[in-house]
Amino acid sequence: CGAVTGSSQIIQKIYNLQVLLGTQSDPFSSWLVCRGIRTLDLRVKR
């Protein structure tokens, strides 16, 4: 999975392209990454 973060204006341009190219993350991978990030702060410090 991957992500791009920034201002709403720039991200909207990328989203519009993503809809056409079909580069979106799938539901299960999105769910897995959300689950993983919940423990990110604990993991990266160790």
ModelCIF file with pLDDT and N, C-alpha, C, O atoms, coordinates in Angstrom:
data_MODEL
#
_entry.id   MODEL 
#
_entity.id                         1 
_entity.type                       polymer 
_entity.pdbx_number_of_molecules   1 
#
_entity_poly.entity_id                      1 
_entity_poly.type                           'polypeptide(L)' 
_entity_poly.nstd_linkage                   no 
_entity_poly.nstd_monomer                   no 
_entity_poly.pdbx_seq_one_letter_code       CGAVTGSSQIIQKIYNLQVLLGTQSDPFSSWLVCRGIRTLDLRVKR 
_entity_poly.pdbx_seq_one_letter_code_can   CGAVTGSSQIIQKIYNLQVLLGTQSDPFSSWLVCRGIRTLDLRVKR 
_entity_poly.pdbx_strand_id                 A 
#
loop_
_entity_poly_seq.entity_id 
_entity_poly_seq.num 
_entity_poly_seq.mon_id 
_entity_poly_seq.hetero 
1 1  CYS n 
1 2  GLY n 
1 3  ALA n 
1 4  VAL n 
1 5  THR n 
1 6  GLY n 
1 7  SER n 
1 8  SER n 
1 9  GLN n 
1 10 ILE n 
1 11 ILE n 
1 12 GLN n 
1 13 LYS n 
1 14 ILE n 
1 15 TYR n 
1 16 ASN n 
1 17 LEU n 
1 18 GLN n 
1 19 VAL n 
1 20 LEU n 
1 21 LEU n 
1 22 GLY n 
1 23 THR n 
1 24 GLN n 
1 25 SER n 
1 26 ASP n 
1 27 PRO n 
1 28 PHE n 
1 29 SER n 
1 30 SER n 
1 31 TRP n 
1 32 LEU n 
1 33 VAL n 
1 34 CYS n 
1 35 ARG n 
1 36 GLY n 
1 37 ILE n 
1 38 ARG n 
1 39 THR n 
1 40 LEU n 
1 41 ASP n 
1 42 LEU n 
1 43 ARG n 
1 44 VAL n 
1 45 LYS n 
1 46 ARG n 
#
_struct_asym.id          A 
_struct_asym.entity_id   1 
#
loop_
_ma_qa_metric.id 
_ma_qa_metric.mode 
_ma_qa_metric.name 
_ma_qa_metric.software_group_id 
_ma_qa_metric.type 
1 global pLDDT . pLDDT 
2 local  pLDDT . pLDDT 
#
_ma_qa_metric_global.metric_id      1 
_ma_qa_metric_global.metric_value   97.35 
_ma_qa_metric_global.model_id       1 
_ma_qa_metric_global.ordinal_id     1 
#
loop_
_ma_qa_metric_local.label_asym_id 
_ma_qa_metric_local.label_comp_id 
_ma_qa_metric_local.label_seq_id 
_ma_qa_metric_local.metric_id 
_ma_qa_metric_local.metric_value 
_ma_qa_metric_local.model_id 
_ma_qa_metric_local.ordinal_id 
A CYS 1  2 98.00 1 1  
A GLY 2  2 98.00 1 2  
A ALA 3  2 98.00 1 3  
A VAL 4  2 98.00 1 4  
A THR 5  2 98.00 1 5  
A GLY 6  2 98.00 1 6  
A SER 7  2 98.00 1 7  
A SER 8  2 98.00 1 8  
A GLN 9  2 98.00 1 9  
A ILE 10 2 98.00 1 10 
A ILE 11 2 98.00 1 11 
A GLN 12 2 98.00 1 12 
A LYS 13 2 98.00 1 13 
A ILE 14 2 98.00 1 14 
A TYR 15 2 98.00 1 15 
A ASN 16 2 97.00 1 16 
A LEU 17 2 97.00 1 17 
A GLN 18 2 97.00 1 18 
A VAL 19 2 96.00 1 19 
A LEU 20 2 96.00 1 20 
A LEU 21 2 95.00 1 21 
A GLY 22 2 96.00 1 22 
A THR 23 2 96.00 1 23 
A GLN 24 2 97.00 1 24 
A SER 25 2 98.00 1 25 
A ASP 26 2 97.00 1 26 
A PRO 27 2 97.00 1 27 
A PHE 28 2 98.00 1 28 
A SER 29 2 98.00 1 29 
A SER 30 2 98.00 1 30 
A TRP 31 2 97.00 1 31 
A LEU 32 2 98.00 1 32 
A VAL 33 2 98.00 1 33 
A CYS 34 2 97.00 1 34 
A ARG 35 2 97.00 1 35 
A GLY 36 2 97.00 1 36 
A ILE 37 2 97.00 1 37 
A ARG 38 2 97.00 1 38 
A THR 39 2 97.00 1 39 
A LEU 40 2 97.00 1 40 
A ASP 41 2 97.00 1 41 
A LEU 42 2 97.00 1 42 
A ARG 43 2 97.00 1 43 
A VAL 44 2 97.00 1 44 
A LYS 45 2 97.00 1 45 
A ARG 46 2 98.00 1 46 
#
loop_
_atom_site.group_PDB 
_atom_site.id 
_atom_site.type_symbol 
_atom_site.label_atom_id 
_atom_site.label_alt_id 
_atom_site.label_comp_id 
_atom_site.label_asym_id 
_atom_site.label_entity_id 
_atom_site.label_seq_id 
_atom_site.pdbx_PDB_ins_code 
_atom_site.Cartn_x 
_atom_site.Cartn_y 
_atom_site.Cartn_z 
_atom_site.occupancy 
_atom_site.B_iso_or_equiv 
_atom_site.pdbx_formal_charge 
_atom_site.auth_seq_id 
_atom_site.auth_comp_id 
_atom_site.auth_asym_id 
_atom_site.auth_atom_id 
_atom_site.pdbx_PDB_model_num 
ATOM 1   N N  . CYS A 1 1  ? 0.852   -1.193 0.000   1.00 98.00 ? 1  CYS A N  1 
ATOM 2   C CA . CYS A 1 1  ? 0.000   0.000  0.000   1.00 98.00 ? 1  CYS A CA 1 
ATOM 3   C C  . CYS A 1 1  ? 0.888   1.243  0.000   1.00 98.00 ? 1  CYS A C  1 
ATOM 4   O O  . CYS A 1 1  ? 2.069   1.162  0.338   1.00 98.00 ? 1  CYS A O  1 
ATOM 5   N N  . GLY A 1 2  ? 0.326   2.391  -0.377  1.00 98.00 ? 2  GLY A N  1 
ATOM 6   C CA . GLY A 1 2  ? 1.059   3.646  -0.354  1.00 98.00 ? 2  GLY A CA 1 
ATOM 7   C C  . GLY A 1 2  ? 0.126   4.809  -0.123  1.00 98.00 ? 2  GLY A C  1 
ATOM 8   O O  . GLY A 1 2  ? -1.094  4.645  -0.142  1.00 98.00 ? 2  GLY A O  1 
ATOM 9   N N  . ALA A 1 3  ? 0.689   5.988  0.096   1.00 98.00 ? 3  ALA A N  1 
ATOM 10  C CA . ALA A 1 3  ? -0.140  7.172  0.330   1.00 98.00 ? 3  ALA A CA 1 
ATOM 11  C C  . ALA A 1 3  ? 0.620   8.433  -0.054  1.00 98.00 ? 3  ALA A C  1 
ATOM 12  O O  . ALA A 1 3  ? 1.850   8.477  -0.025  1.00 98.00 ? 3  ALA A O  1 
ATOM 13  N N  . VAL A 1 4  ? -0.151  9.459  -0.414  1.00 98.00 ? 4  VAL A N  1 
ATOM 14  C CA . VAL A 1 4  ? 0.369   10.809 -0.643  1.00 98.00 ? 4  VAL A CA 1 
ATOM 15  C C  . VAL A 1 4  ? -0.436  11.752 0.236   1.00 98.00 ? 4  VAL A C  1 
ATOM 16  O O  . VAL A 1 4  ? -1.662  11.661 0.292   1.00 98.00 ? 4  VAL A O  1 
ATOM 17  N N  . THR A 1 5  ? 0.256   12.658 0.923   1.00 98.00 ? 5  THR A N  1 
ATOM 18  C CA . THR A 1 5  ? -0.400  13.602 1.827   1.00 98.00 ? 5  THR A CA 1 
ATOM 19  C C  . THR A 1 5  ? 0.083   15.011 1.535   1.00 98.00 ? 5  THR A C  1 
ATOM 20  O O  . THR A 1 5  ? 1.262   15.222 1.249   1.00 98.00 ? 5  THR A O  1 
ATOM 21  N N  . GLY A 1 6  ? -0.825  15.974 1.606   1.00 98.00 ? 6  GLY A N  1 
ATOM 22  C CA . GLY A 1 6  ? -0.460  17.367 1.387   1.00 98.00 ? 6  GLY A CA 1 
ATOM 23  C C  . GLY A 1 6  ? -1.654  18.275 1.520   1.00 98.00 ? 6  GLY A C  1 
ATOM 24  O O  . GLY A 1 6  ? -2.569  17.988 2.292   1.00 98.00 ? 6  GLY A O  1 
ATOM 25  N N  . SER A 1 7  ? -1.663  19.369 0.780   1.00 98.00 ? 7  SER A N  1 
ATOM 26  C CA . SER A 1 7  ? -2.795  20.297 0.818   1.00 98.00 ? 7  SER A CA 1 
ATOM 27  C C  . SER A 1 7  ? -3.976  19.701 0.066   1.00 98.00 ? 7  SER A C  1 
ATOM 28  O O  . SER A 1 7  ? -3.802  18.853 -0.808  1.00 98.00 ? 7  SER A O  1 
ATOM 29  N N  . SER A 1 8  ? -5.164  20.146 0.409   1.00 98.00 ? 8  SER A N  1 
ATOM 30  C CA . SER A 1 8  ? -6.371  19.630 -0.239  1.00 98.00 ? 8  SER A CA 1 
ATOM 31  C C  . SER A 1 8  ? -6.338  19.876 -1.739  1.00 98.00 ? 8  SER A C  1 
ATOM 32  O O  . SER A 1 8  ? -6.771  19.026 -2.517  1.00 98.00 ? 8  SER A O  1 
ATOM 33  N N  . GLN A 1 9  ? -5.827  21.035 -2.153  1.00 98.00 ? 9  GLN A N  1 
ATOM 34  C CA . GLN A 1 9  ? -5.807  21.390 -3.570  1.00 98.00 ? 9  GLN A CA 1 
ATOM 35  C C  . GLN A 1 9  ? -4.909  20.452 -4.373  1.00 98.00 ? 9  GLN A C  1 
ATOM 36  O O  . GLN A 1 9  ? -5.306  19.973 -5.435  1.00 98.00 ? 9  GLN A O  1 
ATOM 37  N N  . ILE A 1 10 ? -3.711  20.190 -3.876  1.00 98.00 ? 10 ILE A N  1 
ATOM 38  C CA . ILE A 1 10 ? -2.788  19.311 -4.600  1.00 98.00 ? 10 ILE A CA 1 
ATOM 39  C C  . ILE A 1 10 ? -3.284  17.874 -4.581  1.00 98.00 ? 10 ILE A C  1 
ATOM 40  O O  . ILE A 1 10 ? -3.201  17.172 -5.589  1.00 98.00 ? 10 ILE A O  1 
ATOM 41  N N  . ILE A 1 11 ? -3.798  17.434 -3.441  1.00 98.00 ? 11 ILE A N  1 
ATOM 42  C CA . ILE A 1 11 ? -4.283  16.063 -3.330  1.00 98.00 ? 11 ILE A CA 1 
ATOM 43  C C  . ILE A 1 11 ? -5.468  15.829 -4.259  1.00 98.00 ? 11 ILE A C  1 
ATOM 44  O O  . ILE A 1 11 ? -5.616  14.732 -4.799  1.00 98.00 ? 11 ILE A O  1 
ATOM 45  N N  . GLN A 1 12 ? -6.309  16.833 -4.454  1.00 98.00 ? 12 GLN A N  1 
ATOM 46  C CA . GLN A 1 12 ? -7.444  16.676 -5.372  1.00 98.00 ? 12 GLN A CA 1 
ATOM 47  C C  . GLN A 1 12 ? -6.959  16.373 -6.785  1.00 98.00 ? 12 GLN A C  1 
ATOM 48  O O  . GLN A 1 12 ? -7.560  15.554 -7.481  1.00 98.00 ? 12 GLN A O  1 
ATOM 49  N N  . LYS A 1 13 ? -5.877  17.026 -7.221  1.00 98.00 ? 13 LYS A N  1 
ATOM 50  C CA . LYS A 1 13 ? -5.303  16.749 -8.538  1.00 98.00 ? 13 LYS A CA 1 
ATOM 51  C C  . LYS A 1 13 ? -4.853  15.288 -8.632  1.00 98.00 ? 13 LYS A C  1 
ATOM 52  O O  . LYS A 1 13 ? -5.081  14.620 -9.640  1.00 98.00 ? 13 LYS A O  1 
ATOM 53  N N  . ILE A 1 14 ? -4.219  14.811 -7.578  1.00 98.00 ? 14 ILE A N  1 
ATOM 54  C CA . ILE A 1 14 ? -3.722  13.433 -7.578  1.00 98.00 ? 14 ILE A CA 1 
ATOM 55  C C  . ILE A 1 14 ? -4.892  12.457 -7.538  1.00 98.00 ? 14 ILE A C  1 
ATOM 56  O O  . ILE A 1 14 ? -4.863  11.421 -8.202  1.00 98.00 ? 14 ILE A O  1 
ATOM 57  N N  . TYR A 1 15 ? -5.927  12.787 -6.756  1.00 98.00 ? 15 TYR A N  1 
ATOM 58  C CA . TYR A 1 15 ? -7.111  11.928 -6.692  1.00 98.00 ? 15 TYR A CA 1 
ATOM 59  C C  . TYR A 1 15 ? -7.773  11.810 -8.058  1.00 98.00 ? 15 TYR A C  1 
ATOM 60  O O  . TYR A 1 15 ? -8.159  10.716 -8.470  1.00 98.00 ? 15 TYR A O  1 
ATOM 61  N N  . ASN A 1 16 ? -7.904  12.922 -8.754  1.00 97.00 ? 16 ASN A N  1 
ATOM 62  C CA . ASN A 1 16 ? -8.524  12.893 -10.082 1.00 97.00 ? 16 ASN A CA 1 
ATOM 63  C C  . ASN A 1 16 ? -7.756  11.976 -11.020 1.00 97.00 ? 16 ASN A C  1 
ATOM 64  O O  . ASN A 1 16 ? -8.355  11.230 -11.796 1.00 97.00 ? 16 ASN A O  1 
ATOM 65  N N  . LEU A 1 17 ? -6.420  12.030 -10.950 1.00 97.00 ? 17 LEU A N  1 
ATOM 66  C CA . LEU A 1 17 ? -5.591  11.141 -11.765 1.00 97.00 ? 17 LEU A CA 1 
ATOM 67  C C  . LEU A 1 17 ? -5.753  9.696  -11.314 1.00 97.00 ? 17 LEU A C  1 
ATOM 68  O O  . LEU A 1 17 ? -5.828  8.790  -12.144 1.00 97.00 ? 17 LEU A O  1 
ATOM 69  N N  . GLN A 1 18 ? -5.806  9.478  -10.003 1.00 97.00 ? 18 GLN A N  1 
ATOM 70  C CA . GLN A 1 18 ? -5.931  8.126  -9.467  1.00 97.00 ? 18 GLN A CA 1 
ATOM 71  C C  . GLN A 1 18 ? -7.208  7.444  -9.945  1.00 97.00 ? 18 GLN A C  1 
ATOM 72  O O  . GLN A 1 18 ? -7.192  6.257  -10.272 1.00 97.00 ? 18 GLN A O  1 
ATOM 73  N N  . VAL A 1 19 ? -8.302  8.175  -9.988  1.00 96.00 ? 19 VAL A N  1 
ATOM 74  C CA . VAL A 1 19 ? -9.563  7.601  -10.446 1.00 96.00 ? 19 VAL A CA 1 
ATOM 75  C C  . VAL A 1 19 ? -9.431  7.096  -11.879 1.00 96.00 ? 19 VAL A C  1 
ATOM 76  O O  . VAL A 1 19 ? -9.996  6.060  -12.228 1.00 96.00 ? 19 VAL A O  1 
ATOM 77  N N  . LEU A 1 20 ? -8.687  7.826  -12.710 1.00 96.00 ? 20 LEU A N  1 
ATOM 78  C CA . LEU A 1 20 ? -8.513  7.429  -14.104 1.00 96.00 ? 20 LEU A CA 1 
ATOM 79  C C  . LEU A 1 20 ? -7.521  6.278  -14.267 1.00 96.00 ? 20 LEU A C  1 
ATOM 80  O O  . LEU A 1 20 ? -7.737  5.376  -15.077 1.00 96.00 ? 20 LEU A O  1 
ATOM 81  N N  . LEU A 1 21 ? -6.438  6.311  -13.498 1.00 95.00 ? 21 LEU A N  1 
ATOM 82  C CA . LEU A 1 21 ? -5.402  5.281  -13.627 1.00 95.00 ? 21 LEU A CA 1 
ATOM 83  C C  . LEU A 1 21 ? -5.729  4.018  -12.835 1.00 95.00 ? 21 LEU A C  1 
ATOM 84  O O  . LEU A 1 21 ? -5.196  2.948  -13.127 1.00 95.00 ? 21 LEU A O  1 
ATOM 85  N N  . GLY A 1 22 ? -6.598  4.134  -11.839 1.00 96.00 ? 22 GLY A N  1 
ATOM 86  C CA . GLY A 1 22 ? -6.946  2.974  -11.020 1.00 96.00 ? 22 GLY A CA 1 
ATOM 87  C C  . GLY A 1 22 ? -5.842  2.544  -10.069 1.00 96.00 ? 22 GLY A C  1 
ATOM 88  O O  . GLY A 1 22 ? -5.614  1.350  -9.873  1.00 96.00 ? 22 GLY A O  1 
ATOM 89  N N  . THR A 1 23 ? -5.157  3.518  -9.477  1.00 96.00 ? 23 THR A N  1 
ATOM 90  C CA . THR A 1 23 ? -4.036  3.196  -8.584  1.00 96.00 ? 23 THR A CA 1 
ATOM 91  C C  . THR A 1 23 ? -4.447  3.172  -7.114  1.00 96.00 ? 23 THR A C  1 
ATOM 92  O O  . THR A 1 23 ? -3.586  3.220  -6.236  1.00 96.00 ? 23 THR A O  1 
ATOM 93  N N  . GLN A 1 24 ? -5.742  3.098  -6.832  1.00 97.00 ? 24 GLN A N  1 
ATOM 94  C CA . GLN A 1 24 ? -6.220  3.166  -5.456  1.00 97.00 ? 24 GLN A CA 1 
ATOM 95  C C  . GLN A 1 24 ? -5.879  1.896  -4.669  1.00 97.00 ? 24 GLN A C  1 
ATOM 96  O O  . GLN A 1 24 ? -5.720  0.819  -5.244  1.00 97.00 ? 24 GLN A O  1 
ATOM 97  N N  . SER A 1 25 ? -5.772  2.042  -3.357  1.00 98.00 ? 25 SER A N  1 
ATOM 98  C CA . SER A 1 25 ? -5.555  0.885  -2.488  1.00 98.00 ? 25 SER A CA 1 
ATOM 99  C C  . SER A 1 25 ? -6.843  0.085  -2.382  1.00 98.00 ? 25 SER A C  1 
ATOM 100 O O  . SER A 1 25 ? -7.935  0.652  -2.399  1.00 98.00 ? 25 SER A O  1 
ATOM 101 N N  . ASP A 1 26 ? -6.718  -1.226 -2.273  1.00 97.00 ? 26 ASP A N  1 
ATOM 102 C CA . ASP A 1 26 ? -7.898  -2.073 -2.159  1.00 97.00 ? 26 ASP A CA 1 
ATOM 103 C C  . ASP A 1 26 ? -8.417  -2.080 -0.722  1.00 97.00 ? 26 ASP A C  1 
ATOM 104 O O  . ASP A 1 26 ? -7.673  -1.722 0.191   1.00 97.00 ? 26 ASP A O  1 
ATOM 105 N N  . PRO A 1 27 ? -9.665  -2.473 -0.494  1.00 97.00 ? 27 PRO A N  1 
ATOM 106 C CA . PRO A 1 27 ? -10.250 -2.399 0.846   1.00 97.00 ? 27 PRO A CA 1 
ATOM 107 C C  . PRO A 1 27 ? -9.491  -3.204 1.902   1.00 97.00 ? 27 PRO A C  1 
ATOM 108 O O  . PRO A 1 27 ? -9.262  -2.708 3.005   1.00 97.00 ? 27 PRO A O  1 
ATOM 109 N N  . PHE A 1 28 ? -9.101  -4.435 1.578   1.00 98.00 ? 28 PHE A N  1 
ATOM 110 C CA . PHE A 1 28 ? -8.451  -5.267 2.597   1.00 98.00 ? 28 PHE A CA 1 
ATOM 111 C C  . PHE A 1 28 ? -7.087  -4.716 2.979   1.00 98.00 ? 28 PHE A C  1 
ATOM 112 O O  . PHE A 1 28 ? -6.745  -4.675 4.161   1.00 98.00 ? 28 PHE A O  1 
ATOM 113 N N  . SER A 1 29 ? -6.299  -4.289 1.984   1.00 98.00 ? 29 SER A N  1 
ATOM 114 C CA . SER A 1 29 ? -4.993  -3.706 2.291   1.00 98.00 ? 29 SER A CA 1 
ATOM 115 C C  . SER A 1 29 ? -5.158  -2.422 3.108   1.00 98.00 ? 29 SER A C  1 
ATOM 116 O O  . SER A 1 29 ? -4.397  -2.174 4.043   1.00 98.00 ? 29 SER A O  1 
ATOM 117 N N  . SER A 1 30 ? -6.151  -1.614 2.753   1.00 98.00 ? 30 SER A N  1 
ATOM 118 C CA . SER A 1 30 ? -6.415  -0.389 3.511   1.00 98.00 ? 30 SER A CA 1 
ATOM 119 C C  . SER A 1 30 ? -6.747  -0.729 4.963   1.00 98.00 ? 30 SER A C  1 
ATOM 120 O O  . SER A 1 30 ? -6.275  -0.071 5.890   1.00 98.00 ? 30 SER A O  1 
ATOM 121 N N  . TRP A 1 31 ? -7.554  -1.750 5.142   1.00 97.00 ? 31 TRP A N  1 
ATOM 122 C CA . TRP A 1 31 ? -7.931  -2.184 6.497   1.00 97.00 ? 31 TRP A CA 1 
ATOM 123 C C  . TRP A 1 31 ? -6.705  -2.683 7.265   1.00 97.00 ? 31 TRP A C  1 
ATOM 124 O O  . TRP A 1 31 ? -6.520  -2.348 8.435   1.00 97.00 ? 31 TRP A O  1 
ATOM 125 N N  . LEU A 1 32 ? -5.868  -3.486 6.597   1.00 98.00 ? 32 LEU A N  1 
ATOM 126 C CA . LEU A 1 32 ? -4.676  -4.014 7.254   1.00 98.00 ? 32 LEU A CA 1 
ATOM 127 C C  . LEU A 1 32 ? -3.737  -2.892 7.695   1.00 98.00 ? 32 LEU A C  1 
ATOM 128 O O  . LEU A 1 32 ? -3.203  -2.916 8.804   1.00 98.00 ? 32 LEU A O  1 
ATOM 129 N N  . VAL A 1 33 ? -3.541  -1.905 6.809   1.00 98.00 ? 33 VAL A N  1 
ATOM 130 C CA . VAL A 1 33 ? -2.621  -0.812 7.141   1.00 98.00 ? 33 VAL A CA 1 
ATOM 131 C C  . VAL A 1 33 ? -3.178  0.047  8.272   1.00 98.00 ? 33 VAL A C  1 
ATOM 132 O O  . VAL A 1 33 ? -2.429  0.476  9.149   1.00 98.00 ? 33 VAL A O  1 
ATOM 133 N N  . CYS A 1 34 ? -4.473  0.299  8.260   1.00 97.00 ? 34 CYS A N  1 
ATOM 134 C CA . CYS A 1 34 ? -5.073  1.016  9.399   1.00 97.00 ? 34 CYS A CA 1 
ATOM 135 C C  . CYS A 1 34 ? -4.798  0.273  10.706  1.00 97.00 ? 34 CYS A C  1 
ATOM 136 O O  . CYS A 1 34 ? -4.422  0.873  11.712  1.00 97.00 ? 34 CYS A O  1 
ATOM 137 N N  . ARG A 1 35 ? -4.992  -1.027 10.667  1.00 97.00 ? 35 ARG A N  1 
ATOM 138 C CA . ARG A 1 35 ? -4.709  -1.841 11.850  1.00 97.00 ? 35 ARG A CA 1 
ATOM 139 C C  . ARG A 1 35 ? -3.255  -1.729 12.266  1.00 97.00 ? 35 ARG A C  1 
ATOM 140 O O  . ARG A 1 35 ? -2.953  -1.589 13.451  1.00 97.00 ? 35 ARG A O  1 
ATOM 141 N N  . GLY A 1 36 ? -2.340  -1.790 11.282  1.00 97.00 ? 36 GLY A N  1 
ATOM 142 C CA . GLY A 1 36 ? -0.922  -1.717 11.593  1.00 97.00 ? 36 GLY A CA 1 
ATOM 143 C C  . GLY A 1 36 ? -0.513  -0.386 12.195  1.00 97.00 ? 36 GLY A C  1 
ATOM 144 O O  . GLY A 1 36 ? 0.290   -0.343 13.127  1.00 97.00 ? 36 GLY A O  1 
ATOM 145 N N  . ILE A 1 37 ? -1.064  0.705  11.665  1.00 97.00 ? 37 ILE A N  1 
ATOM 146 C CA . ILE A 1 37 ? -0.679  2.039  12.134  1.00 97.00 ? 37 ILE A CA 1 
ATOM 147 C C  . ILE A 1 37 ? -1.067  2.269  13.592  1.00 97.00 ? 37 ILE A C  1 
ATOM 148 O O  . ILE A 1 37 ? -0.461  3.098  14.270  1.00 97.00 ? 37 ILE A O  1 
ATOM 149 N N  . ARG A 1 38 ? -2.070  1.544  14.077  1.00 97.00 ? 38 ARG A N  1 
ATOM 150 C CA . ARG A 1 38 ? -2.496  1.739  15.470  1.00 97.00 ? 38 ARG A CA 1 
ATOM 151 C C  . ARG A 1 38 ? -1.348  1.526  16.458  1.00 97.00 ? 38 ARG A C  1 
ATOM 152 O O  . ARG A 1 38 ? -1.324  2.146  17.521  1.00 97.00 ? 38 ARG A O  1 
ATOM 153 N N  . THR A 1 39 ? -0.409  0.664  16.119  1.00 97.00 ? 39 THR A N  1 
ATOM 154 C CA . THR A 1 39 ? 0.722   0.388  17.016  1.00 97.00 ? 39 THR A CA 1 
ATOM 155 C C  . THR A 1 39 ? 2.015   1.038  16.541  1.00 97.00 ? 39 THR A C  1 
ATOM 156 O O  . THR A 1 39 ? 3.086   0.740  17.070  1.00 97.00 ? 39 THR A O  1 
ATOM 157 N N  . LEU A 1 40 ? 1.929   1.921  15.553  1.00 97.00 ? 40 LEU A N  1 
ATOM 158 C CA . LEU A 1 40 ? 3.130   2.512  14.949  1.00 97.00 ? 40 LEU A CA 1 
ATOM 159 C C  . LEU A 1 40 ? 3.998   3.226  15.981  1.00 97.00 ? 40 LEU A C  1 
ATOM 160 O O  . LEU A 1 40 ? 5.212   3.022  16.013  1.00 97.00 ? 40 LEU A O  1 
ATOM 161 N N  . ASP A 1 41 ? 3.405   4.042  16.804  1.00 97.00 ? 41 ASP A N  1 
ATOM 162 C CA . ASP A 1 41 ? 4.182   4.830  17.764  1.00 97.00 ? 41 ASP A CA 1 
ATOM 163 C C  . ASP A 1 41 ? 4.977   3.928  18.696  1.00 97.00 ? 41 ASP A C  1 
ATOM 164 O O  . ASP A 1 41 ? 6.123   4.231  19.031  1.00 97.00 ? 41 ASP A O  1 
ATOM 165 N N  . LEU A 1 42 ? 4.378   2.827  19.115  1.00 97.00 ? 42 LEU A N  1 
ATOM 166 C CA . LEU A 1 42 ? 5.077   1.887  19.995  1.00 97.00 ? 42 LEU A CA 1 
ATOM 167 C C  . LEU A 1 42 ? 6.209   1.189  19.252  1.00 97.00 ? 42 LEU A C  1 
ATOM 168 O O  . LEU A 1 42 ? 7.311   1.049  19.782  1.00 97.00 ? 42 LEU A O  1 
ATOM 169 N N  . ARG A 1 43 ? 5.938   0.755  18.030  1.00 97.00 ? 43 ARG A N  1 
ATOM 170 C CA . ARG A 1 43 ? 6.922   -0.019 17.284  1.00 97.00 ? 43 ARG A CA 1 
ATOM 171 C C  . ARG A 1 43 ? 8.141   0.800  16.899  1.00 97.00 ? 43 ARG A C  1 
ATOM 172 O O  . ARG A 1 43 ? 9.271   0.366  17.120  1.00 97.00 ? 43 ARG A O  1 
ATOM 173 N N  . VAL A 1 44 ? 7.926   1.990  16.319  1.00 97.00 ? 44 VAL A N  1 
ATOM 174 C CA . VAL A 1 44 ? 9.070   2.722  15.776  1.00 97.00 ? 44 VAL A CA 1 
ATOM 175 C C  . VAL A 1 44 ? 10.013  3.215  16.873  1.00 97.00 ? 44 VAL A C  1 
ATOM 176 O O  . VAL A 1 44 ? 11.213  3.353  16.637  1.00 97.00 ? 44 VAL A O  1 
ATOM 177 N N  . LYS A 1 45 ? 9.494   3.477  18.043  1.00 97.00 ? 45 LYS A N  1 
ATOM 178 C CA . LYS A 1 45 ? 10.376  3.893  19.136  1.00 97.00 ? 45 LYS A CA 1 
ATOM 179 C C  . LYS A 1 45 ? 11.296  2.752  19.547  1.00 97.00 ? 45 LYS A C  1 
ATOM 180 O O  . LYS A 1 45 ? 12.487  2.954  19.787  1.00 97.00 ? 45 LYS A O  1 
ATOM 181 N N  . ARG A 1 46 ? 10.734  1.558  19.626  1.00 98.00 ? 46 ARG A N  1 
ATOM 182 C CA . ARG A 1 46 ? 11.574  0.414  19.987  1.00 98.00 ? 46 ARG A CA 1 
ATOM 183 C C  . ARG A 1 46 ? 12.531  0.066  18.851  1.00 98.00 ? 46 ARG A C  1 
ATOM 184 O O  . ARG A 1 46 ? 13.318  -0.872 18.973  1.00 98.00 ? 46 ARG A O  1 
#
